[in-house]
Structure formats: structure tokens, C-alpha cells
Amino acid sequence: MLPNLGQLALSPTGMRGPTTRAAASAARAAEAAREEDEEREEESEEEEERCYFATFTDGKTLILDINYNTDYRGQDVVSFNVRSGNVSFEMIEPDEDATSATANDERGHHAWKGVSGVSLSVARYIVAFAAIVRRKYPQLDEVWYSNTAVIDDMDATDAGEDENKLREIVESSLYRVRYYERLGFEFDVPYAKQVEGLLEDLKDERQLEELEDAGFSGELLSMAESIAQTFPNECTLKRLSMDACP
């Protein structure tokens, strides 16, 4: 007599032959395929280019690429490059127990020290950079940075002996020094002393060209806090997030 189909459906032992084993094998294969698909999706997400988005209270957003490279000494370095500007700090990836680090310009990103019409992009970048470092490397207490600022050529041939006009020419050529000092960088020679020294030189020579760049340095994490106080409307960070790069 043929078995009752209802009994086969209800009985846990009703089908233990090749069909049951085949179904179990298929289920295992399907589960393995699903897990493999999930792994591929995770790998795809990891491989997707990611960017930091730093949004400030005035609505402006900086988009920063994350770049991992090896420098000429074979050290692993990471940099955060602003897509809309020429600023990109690079630093050796710190050890887990490191508390201090040094940042430098990423190769090919030196233009900011001589950029025309210095804007708040540098200040915003420092604030965004510090926020990223604090999130990514919370063990760090300080990140030091040093560079030089370009001093423009001066021509006072038409200024006569008017010291006020001469001073305006000097101050105009030193606007980067004035701005970076206001951000919190310390110069080897402070801005005020540079003005007075170059003013005397300009009185004597009337034209000053190819002047030596002015060296400066500063600690970026603490500087980011003071920048937000100096420029509260433009440099207060509202949100820092990471997402797929546009």
C-alpha cells in the first residue's frame, strides 16, 4: 500500500531518503551563497571611496578625501585633501600609544602658503583636520605643523616719502603673515616686527623683490579651538560625517 501523503507531510520521519538529504544539501548551499554575497557586499562597501564631510554653522561644507600612501622613507602616511582647495596635511599614521604627531604638506599641495586672497578655507581646514584626527586617532594630544609664508614683492617708486603709503605697501605684502598669525601660528619673527623691519628697508631701497619666506609653526589641535573662537560664524564645526565621495 502506498503511504498516506498527509502522514508524510506530518511525520518527521516520513521522508529520510535521498530527497531529504538533497533538500538539506540545497539549503546549506543556499546559506553559503547568501553568506558569500554578504561578504562581497561588505568588501564592496570597504572598497568604495569614502570622504569626510565637515559642515560649519554657516552652512558651508568642506569635502575631504582620505589618502593612504607610503612616503619616500617607506613609512605609512595618511592625508586629508580638501577637494575645493590646495590644502592637504599629511602625517605618519601614529602608533596606538602615541600622544604627539607631526603634520606636513602632502606632496603637490604647497600652494596654500602663497595663495592669493587668503580666505577662511585654511582656517576651516584646520578645524576640520583637527576634528578628524580627534575622531580617528583619539590617543593624540597634539599635532605640530611648520611651514613658510610667501611675502610678496614691494614697489614704492610712486609712494614718495609718505610713510603711511609705505606702510600700506608693506602690510599688503605681509597679509599672509598677518592672517596666519591671527589663526594662531607663531612666526620666527612676529608680524609687527616684520612690518617695521621691511618698512625701513623699503624707505632705503624703494623696491623689494624675492624676499625670503617667513617661517612659522603651531600645534593644530589646540589651534582649531581658538580659530572657532576667532571666527565663530564661519569656523564653528556643526557636523563631521563620513560617506561615499561625490
Protein backbone atom coordinates (compact mmCIF):
# COMPACT_ATOMS: atom_id res chain seq x y z
CA MET A 1 0.00 0.00 0.00
CA LEU A 2 1.22 3.47 -0.84
CA PRO A 3 1.89 5.76 2.15
CA ASN A 4 -0.66 8.42 3.03
CA LEU A 5 0.52 11.84 1.74
CA GLY A 6 -0.87 13.53 4.84
CA GLN A 7 1.15 11.28 7.07
CA LEU A 8 4.27 12.02 5.03
CA ALA A 9 3.69 15.72 5.45
CA LEU A 10 3.13 15.45 9.21
CA SER A 11 5.59 12.75 10.13
CA PRO A 12 9.16 13.94 10.86
CA THR A 13 10.39 10.51 9.83
CA GLY A 14 8.17 10.17 6.82
CA MET A 15 10.96 11.19 4.34
CA ARG A 16 14.55 10.44 5.31
CA GLY A 17 15.65 9.14 1.95
CA PRO A 18 17.69 10.77 -0.83
CA THR A 19 15.12 13.53 -1.34
CA THR A 20 15.52 14.79 2.25
CA ARG A 21 19.30 14.76 2.03
CA ALA A 22 19.17 16.62 -1.29
CA ALA A 23 16.93 19.31 0.19
CA ALA A 24 19.20 19.75 3.17
CA SER A 25 22.21 19.98 0.89
CA ALA A 26 20.48 22.60 -1.24
CA ALA A 27 19.58 24.60 1.86
CA ARG A 28 23.19 24.54 3.01
CA ALA A 29 24.35 25.62 -0.43
CA ALA A 30 21.85 28.49 -0.43
CA GLU A 31 23.01 29.62 3.01
CA ALA A 32 26.65 29.51 1.90
CA ALA A 33 25.80 31.54 -1.20
CA ARG A 34 23.96 34.11 0.92
CA GLU A 35 26.93 34.46 3.27
CA GLU A 36 29.24 34.83 0.29
CA ASP A 37 27.02 37.57 -1.15
CA GLU A 38 27.09 39.41 2.19
CA GLU A 39 30.88 39.18 2.29
CA ARG A 40 31.06 40.58 -1.24
CA GLU A 41 28.76 43.43 -0.29
CA GLU A 42 30.91 44.24 2.74
CA GLU A 43 34.05 44.15 0.60
CA SER A 44 32.37 46.40 -1.95
CA GLU A 45 31.47 48.88 0.77
CA GLU A 46 35.04 48.83 2.09
CA GLU A 47 36.44 49.41 -1.38
CA GLU A 48 34.06 52.31 -2.05
CA GLU A 49 35.84 55.63 -1.87
CA ARG A 50 34.92 57.43 1.33
CA CYS A 51 35.18 61.12 2.18
CA TYR A 52 34.79 63.24 5.28
CA PHE A 53 32.15 65.97 5.16
CA ALA A 54 32.80 68.88 7.53
CA THR A 55 29.78 71.16 7.77
CA PHE A 56 30.04 74.51 9.54
CA THR A 57 27.35 76.56 11.22
CA ASP A 58 27.17 78.98 8.28
CA GLY A 59 26.16 76.09 6.02
CA LYS A 60 29.48 75.70 4.20
CA THR A 61 30.80 72.16 3.79
CA LEU A 62 34.34 71.00 3.12
CA ILE A 63 34.74 67.62 1.43
CA LEU A 64 38.00 65.90 2.29
CA ASP A 65 39.45 62.88 0.51
CA ILE A 66 41.30 60.30 2.62
CA ASN A 67 44.57 59.16 1.05
CA TYR A 68 46.80 56.37 2.32
CA ASN A 69 50.32 56.26 0.90
CA THR A 70 53.90 55.28 1.65
CA ASP A 71 56.42 58.11 1.83
CA TYR A 72 59.94 58.07 0.41
CA ARG A 73 61.22 56.55 3.67
CA GLY A 74 58.77 53.67 3.46
CA GLN A 75 56.52 54.95 6.24
CA ASP A 76 52.74 54.66 6.08
CA VAL A 77 51.15 58.09 5.86
CA VAL A 78 47.58 59.38 5.74
CA SER A 79 46.42 62.70 4.32
CA PHE A 80 43.13 64.58 4.15
CA ASN A 81 42.79 66.61 0.95
CA VAL A 82 40.21 69.36 0.52
CA ARG A 83 38.57 68.86 -2.86
CA SER A 84 37.90 72.55 -3.37
CA GLY A 85 41.30 73.92 -2.36
CA ASN A 86 45.04 73.50 -2.15
CA VAL A 87 45.34 72.45 1.48
CA SER A 88 46.22 68.91 2.47
CA PHE A 89 48.07 67.91 5.63
CA GLU A 90 49.88 64.57 5.67
CA MET A 91 51.01 62.69 8.76
CA ILE A 92 52.63 59.37 9.58
CA GLU A 93 49.98 57.02 10.90
CA PRO A 94 50.52 57.15 14.67
CA ASP A 95 51.02 54.14 16.92
CA GLU A 96 48.28 53.27 19.37
CA ASP A 97 50.30 54.63 22.29
CA ALA A 98 51.49 57.80 20.51
CA THR A 99 50.39 61.10 22.03
CA SER A 100 52.14 63.51 19.65
CA ALA A 101 52.46 63.69 15.86
CA THR A 102 53.79 65.97 13.15
CA ALA A 103 51.88 67.03 10.04
CA ASN A 104 53.38 68.20 6.78
CA ASP A 105 52.03 69.30 3.42
CA GLU A 106 51.00 66.41 1.20
CA ARG A 107 53.17 66.24 -1.87
CA GLY A 108 51.85 68.61 -4.53
CA HIS A 109 49.83 70.71 -2.07
CA HIS A 110 52.07 73.63 -1.20
CA ALA A 111 50.08 76.39 -2.86
CA TRP A 112 48.22 77.47 0.26
CA LYS A 113 51.27 79.16 1.78
CA GLY A 114 51.29 81.56 -1.17
CA VAL A 115 47.65 81.54 -2.15
CA SER A 116 46.26 84.83 -3.42
CA GLY A 117 43.47 86.47 -1.46
CA VAL A 118 43.83 84.22 1.59
CA SER A 119 40.36 83.19 2.64
CA LEU A 120 38.83 81.28 5.52
CA SER A 121 39.41 78.00 3.67
CA VAL A 122 42.68 77.48 5.56
CA ALA A 123 41.02 78.18 8.91
CA ARG A 124 38.11 75.87 8.12
CA TYR A 125 40.53 73.17 7.00
CA ILE A 126 42.48 73.27 10.27
CA VAL A 127 39.24 72.93 12.25
CA ALA A 128 38.09 70.01 10.07
CA PHE A 129 41.52 68.35 10.18
CA ALA A 130 41.64 68.55 13.98
CA ALA A 131 38.15 67.04 14.28
CA ILE A 132 39.11 64.14 12.01
CA VAL A 133 42.33 63.49 13.94
CA ARG A 134 40.50 63.52 17.28
CA ARG A 135 37.98 61.01 15.95
CA LYS A 136 40.40 58.77 14.06
CA TYR A 137 43.34 58.97 16.46
CA PRO A 138 41.91 59.79 19.91
CA GLN A 139 45.23 58.91 21.58
CA LEU A 140 46.87 62.04 20.13
CA ASP A 141 47.11 65.13 22.32
CA GLU A 142 48.97 67.29 19.82
CA VAL A 143 49.83 67.56 16.13
CA TRP A 144 52.60 70.01 15.21
CA TYR A 145 52.92 71.71 11.87
CA SER A 146 55.50 74.10 10.41
CA ASN A 147 55.79 75.88 7.07
CA THR A 148 56.73 79.20 5.49
CA ALA A 149 54.56 82.04 4.20
CA VAL A 150 55.32 83.83 0.94
CA ILE A 151 56.00 87.58 1.15
CA ASP A 152 55.01 89.45 -1.98
CA ASP A 153 57.37 91.81 -3.83
CA MET A 154 57.08 95.50 -2.95
CA ASP A 155 57.34 98.54 -5.18
CA ALA A 156 57.29 102.01 -3.60
CA THR A 157 58.64 104.03 -6.53
CA ASP A 158 55.42 106.04 -6.71
CA ALA A 159 54.83 106.34 -2.96
CA GLY A 160 57.16 109.28 -2.39
CA GLU A 161 58.16 109.84 1.23
CA ASP A 162 54.68 109.28 2.65
CA GLU A 163 55.28 106.77 5.45
CA ASN A 164 51.60 105.83 5.63
CA LYS A 165 51.66 104.78 1.97
CA LEU A 166 54.89 102.88 2.51
CA ARG A 167 53.40 101.09 5.50
CA GLU A 168 50.32 100.13 3.46
CA ILE A 169 52.57 98.58 0.82
CA VAL A 170 54.47 96.59 3.46
CA GLU A 171 51.33 95.43 5.23
CA SER A 172 49.76 94.40 1.93
CA SER A 173 52.76 92.24 1.07
CA LEU A 174 52.61 90.60 4.52
CA TYR A 175 48.89 89.81 4.55
CA ARG A 176 49.55 86.07 4.69
CA VAL A 177 51.78 86.51 7.73
CA ARG A 178 49.12 88.64 9.42
CA TYR A 179 46.39 86.11 8.65
CA TYR A 180 48.32 83.00 9.71
CA GLU A 181 49.44 84.70 12.91
CA ARG A 182 45.82 85.53 13.63
CA LEU A 183 44.97 81.84 13.21
CA GLY A 184 47.43 81.03 15.98
CA PHE A 185 50.68 80.19 14.19
CA GLU A 186 53.86 81.59 15.67
CA PHE A 187 56.41 83.15 13.32
CA ASP A 188 60.14 83.16 13.79
CA VAL A 189 59.79 86.95 13.57
CA PRO A 190 56.36 88.27 14.65
CA TYR A 191 54.25 90.16 12.14
CA ALA A 192 54.67 93.56 13.85
CA LYS A 193 58.47 93.30 13.80
CA GLN A 194 58.44 92.18 10.18
CA VAL A 195 56.41 95.25 9.26
CA GLU A 196 58.82 97.63 10.96
CA GLY A 197 61.89 95.95 9.52
CA LEU A 198 60.60 95.86 5.96
CA LEU A 199 59.36 99.45 6.27
CA GLU A 200 62.90 100.62 6.95
CA ASP A 201 64.21 98.53 4.06
CA LEU A 202 61.58 99.95 1.70
CA LYS A 203 62.50 103.52 2.65
CA ASP A 204 66.06 102.81 1.57
CA GLU A 205 65.58 100.61 -1.48
CA ARG A 206 62.07 101.53 -2.78
CA GLN A 207 61.74 98.07 -4.34
CA LEU A 208 61.99 94.75 -2.53
CA GLU A 209 61.87 91.52 -4.53
CA GLU A 210 62.30 87.80 -3.95
CA LEU A 211 62.12 88.16 -0.19
CA GLU A 212 62.78 85.16 1.98
CA ASP A 213 59.66 83.29 3.06
CA ALA A 214 58.60 83.77 6.69
CA GLY A 215 58.82 80.62 8.81
CA PHE A 216 56.03 79.68 11.20
CA SER A 217 54.80 76.74 13.28
CA GLY A 218 51.93 75.75 15.54
CA GLU A 219 50.01 72.98 17.29
CA LEU A 220 46.93 72.25 15.21
CA LEU A 221 44.54 70.62 17.71
CA SER A 222 44.59 73.49 20.19
CA MET A 223 44.70 76.00 17.33
CA ALA A 224 41.43 74.61 15.95
CA GLU A 225 39.68 75.54 19.19
CA SER A 226 40.98 79.12 19.16
CA ILE A 227 40.10 79.51 15.47
CA ALA A 228 36.47 78.65 16.23
CA GLN A 229 36.51 81.42 18.85
CA THR A 230 38.15 83.93 16.50
CA PHE A 231 35.76 83.18 13.62
CA PRO A 232 32.66 81.78 15.39
CA ASN A 233 30.26 82.27 12.48
CA GLU A 234 32.47 80.74 9.79
CA CYS A 235 34.64 78.20 11.64
CA THR A 236 32.40 76.53 14.21
CA LEU A 237 32.02 72.91 13.14
CA LYS A 238 28.41 71.77 13.21
CA ARG A 239 28.82 68.22 11.95
CA LEU A 240 31.55 65.81 10.83
CA SER A 241 30.42 62.74 8.91
CA MET A 242 31.83 60.12 6.57
CA ASP A 243 30.06 59.00 3.43
CA ALA A 244 30.65 57.95 -0.15
CA CYS A 245 32.61 60.56 -2.08
CA PRO A 246 30.52 62.51 -4.59
